[in-house]
Amino acid sequence: MDHLRGDATLPRDLIASFTTAAAFGLVIALSPAGFPANAAEITSVWQGVYTKEQAARGKARYFSACAACHGGLLQGDSDSPELAGTSFMKRWGGQSIAALFTFAMSQMPVGRPGSLGAQGYAEVIAYILATNGFPDGERELPSNEQVLEMIVIESKK
């Protein structure tokens, strides 16, 4: 009953509890539905992290901005890496989608990095995932790097 004696710890404790609850609520509110809100909730690309529609938009963007170097089948060439198959998995397997997203946004297309916009890069990555045989899902791949950090590219289960 310290609060009846005017002890200041109760209001301070109450404020601290409220602040913690508000911060937790903000994290939940800012996390796209269905994607992890904290590091304990890692998602695999095998859990359907993009939609068919998003991959279709990504295919169109890929062919307008990426195919000239990486090829129509994402096969790459001597100067551009393969974006599908064994070489892709050797390079990106075990890493987060955020690593691929950050690399693509900061380096691709050559001479015009960042030109697709965050959503455009997410769409192209959705197409790359689809081409590599990862299943589609009900939610679009977000362009939020913190959320993408929780989605891991894994080889076949």
Protein backbone atom coordinates (compact mmCIF):
# COMPACT_ATOMS: atom_id res chain seq x y z
CA MET A 1 0.00 0.00 0.00
CA ASP A 2 2.95 2.30 -0.61
CA HIS A 3 0.87 4.32 -3.08
CA LEU A 4 -1.38 5.49 -0.24
CA ARG A 5 1.64 6.97 1.58
CA GLY A 6 2.68 8.98 -1.44
CA ASP A 7 5.57 6.67 -2.38
CA ALA A 8 6.71 7.68 -5.89
CA THR A 9 7.74 4.15 -6.93
CA LEU A 10 4.26 3.06 -7.93
CA PRO A 11 3.75 5.80 -10.53
CA ARG A 12 7.31 5.27 -11.81
CA ASP A 13 6.70 1.48 -12.04
CA LEU A 14 3.34 2.08 -13.67
CA ILE A 15 4.90 4.42 -16.25
CA ALA A 16 7.70 1.90 -16.96
CA SER A 17 5.15 -0.90 -17.44
CA PHE A 18 3.03 1.28 -19.72
CA THR A 19 6.09 2.29 -21.78
CA THR A 20 7.14 -1.34 -22.21
CA ALA A 21 3.63 -2.38 -23.23
CA ALA A 22 3.36 0.51 -25.68
CA ALA A 23 6.72 -0.32 -27.26
CA PHE A 24 5.73 -3.98 -27.61
CA GLY A 25 2.44 -2.95 -29.21
CA LEU A 26 4.30 -0.68 -31.63
CA VAL A 27 6.57 -3.55 -32.74
CA ILE A 28 3.54 -5.77 -33.32
CA ALA A 29 1.69 -3.00 -35.17
CA LEU A 30 4.66 -2.24 -37.44
CA SER A 31 5.32 -5.87 -38.36
CA PRO A 32 3.43 -6.91 -41.51
CA ALA A 33 0.76 -9.47 -40.72
CA GLY A 34 2.06 -12.99 -40.70
CA PHE A 35 5.73 -12.05 -40.59
CA PRO A 36 7.89 -12.33 -37.49
CA ALA A 37 7.92 -9.50 -34.97
CA ASN A 38 11.07 -10.63 -33.18
CA ALA A 39 14.24 -12.62 -33.66
CA ALA A 40 12.72 -15.72 -32.09
CA GLU A 41 10.41 -16.10 -35.08
CA ILE A 42 12.56 -16.94 -38.10
CA THR A 43 10.62 -17.72 -41.29
CA SER A 44 11.83 -19.95 -44.12
CA VAL A 45 11.32 -19.23 -47.81
CA TRP A 46 9.55 -22.61 -47.81
CA GLN A 47 6.67 -21.01 -45.85
CA GLY A 48 5.31 -19.02 -48.80
CA VAL A 49 6.68 -15.52 -48.29
CA TYR A 50 5.45 -13.90 -51.54
CA THR A 51 2.33 -14.04 -53.72
CA LYS A 52 1.90 -15.25 -57.31
CA GLU A 53 0.78 -11.75 -58.28
CA GLN A 54 3.88 -10.21 -56.75
CA ALA A 55 6.13 -12.68 -58.58
CA ALA A 56 4.33 -11.85 -61.86
CA ARG A 57 5.03 -8.14 -61.32
CA GLY A 58 8.60 -9.07 -60.43
CA LYS A 59 8.97 -11.02 -63.67
CA ALA A 60 7.99 -7.95 -65.69
CA ARG A 61 10.47 -5.80 -63.73
CA TYR A 62 13.16 -8.47 -64.09
CA PHE A 63 12.80 -8.56 -67.86
CA SER A 64 12.94 -4.78 -68.12
CA ALA A 65 15.84 -4.19 -65.70
CA CYS A 66 17.79 -7.44 -65.10
CA ALA A 67 17.47 -9.93 -67.97
CA ALA A 68 19.95 -8.13 -70.25
CA CYS A 69 22.74 -9.21 -67.87
CA HIS A 70 21.32 -12.16 -65.93
CA GLY A 71 19.51 -13.77 -68.88
CA GLY A 72 15.95 -14.72 -69.67
CA LEU A 73 16.22 -17.90 -67.62
CA LEU A 74 18.13 -16.21 -64.75
CA GLN A 75 21.10 -18.29 -65.92
CA GLY A 76 23.65 -15.46 -65.78
CA ASP A 77 26.80 -15.42 -67.89
CA SER A 78 30.53 -14.99 -67.40
CA ASP A 79 30.04 -11.48 -65.98
CA SER A 80 26.70 -11.86 -64.19
CA PRO A 81 25.83 -14.51 -61.60
CA GLU A 82 23.11 -17.09 -61.98
CA LEU A 83 19.94 -16.17 -60.08
CA ALA A 84 18.42 -19.63 -60.22
CA GLY A 85 19.68 -23.08 -59.42
CA THR A 86 22.76 -24.40 -57.67
CA SER A 87 24.95 -21.32 -58.05
CA PHE A 88 22.22 -19.10 -56.59
CA MET A 89 21.80 -21.41 -53.61
CA LYS A 90 25.56 -21.63 -53.04
CA ARG A 91 25.74 -17.83 -52.94
CA TRP A 92 22.56 -17.03 -51.01
CA GLY A 93 21.60 -20.22 -49.16
CA GLY A 94 21.60 -19.80 -45.40
CA GLN A 95 21.34 -16.03 -45.66
CA SER A 96 18.37 -13.79 -45.04
CA ILE A 97 16.27 -12.28 -47.79
CA ALA A 98 17.48 -8.94 -46.36
CA ALA A 99 21.04 -9.75 -47.49
CA LEU A 100 19.85 -10.33 -51.07
CA PHE A 101 17.52 -7.31 -50.93
CA THR A 102 20.24 -4.98 -49.61
CA PHE A 103 22.77 -6.21 -52.15
CA ALA A 104 20.35 -5.86 -55.05
CA MET A 105 19.18 -2.41 -53.98
CA SER A 106 22.70 -1.08 -53.47
CA GLN A 107 24.34 -2.69 -56.54
CA MET A 108 21.73 -3.51 -59.20
CA PRO A 109 21.14 -2.78 -61.97
CA VAL A 110 24.74 -1.90 -62.75
CA GLY A 111 25.00 1.85 -63.19
CA ARG A 112 21.51 2.43 -61.74
CA PRO A 113 21.43 0.94 -58.23
CA GLY A 114 18.26 1.67 -56.29
CA SER A 115 16.36 2.59 -59.44
CA LEU A 116 13.63 -0.03 -58.96
CA GLY A 117 12.50 1.33 -55.59
CA ALA A 118 12.13 -0.84 -52.50
CA GLN A 119 8.85 -2.40 -53.65
CA GLY A 120 10.32 -3.12 -57.08
CA TYR A 121 13.25 -5.00 -55.56
CA ALA A 122 10.87 -7.01 -53.37
CA GLU A 123 8.90 -7.92 -56.51
CA VAL A 124 12.03 -9.02 -58.41
CA ILE A 125 13.12 -11.12 -55.42
CA ALA A 126 9.65 -12.71 -55.34
CA TYR A 127 10.18 -13.68 -59.00
CA ILE A 128 13.64 -15.07 -58.19
CA LEU A 129 12.14 -17.13 -55.34
CA ALA A 130 9.39 -18.44 -57.63
CA THR A 131 11.92 -19.38 -60.32
CA ASN A 132 13.94 -21.27 -57.71
CA GLY A 133 10.88 -23.34 -56.81
CA PHE A 134 10.02 -21.77 -53.46
CA PRO A 135 6.25 -21.82 -52.89
CA ASP A 136 4.08 -18.74 -53.04
CA GLY A 137 1.85 -17.76 -50.14
CA GLU A 138 -0.97 -15.44 -49.20
CA ARG A 139 1.09 -12.36 -48.26
CA GLU A 140 3.44 -10.29 -50.37
CA LEU A 141 7.12 -10.22 -49.60
CA PRO A 142 7.58 -6.92 -47.76
CA SER A 143 10.20 -4.31 -48.60
CA ASN A 144 11.00 -3.76 -44.91
CA GLU A 145 14.62 -4.82 -44.32
CA GLN A 146 14.01 -5.62 -40.64
CA VAL A 147 11.26 -8.07 -41.56
CA LEU A 148 13.29 -9.50 -44.45
CA GLU A 149 16.12 -10.17 -41.99
CA MET A 150 13.86 -12.78 -40.37
CA ILE A 151 13.24 -14.70 -43.63
CA VAL A 152 15.97 -17.21 -44.45
CA ILE A 153 16.83 -18.70 -47.83
CA GLU A 154 17.10 -22.46 -47.20
CA SER A 155 17.88 -25.27 -49.59
CA LYS A 156 15.30 -27.99 -50.16
CA LYS A 157 13.81 -29.54 -47.05
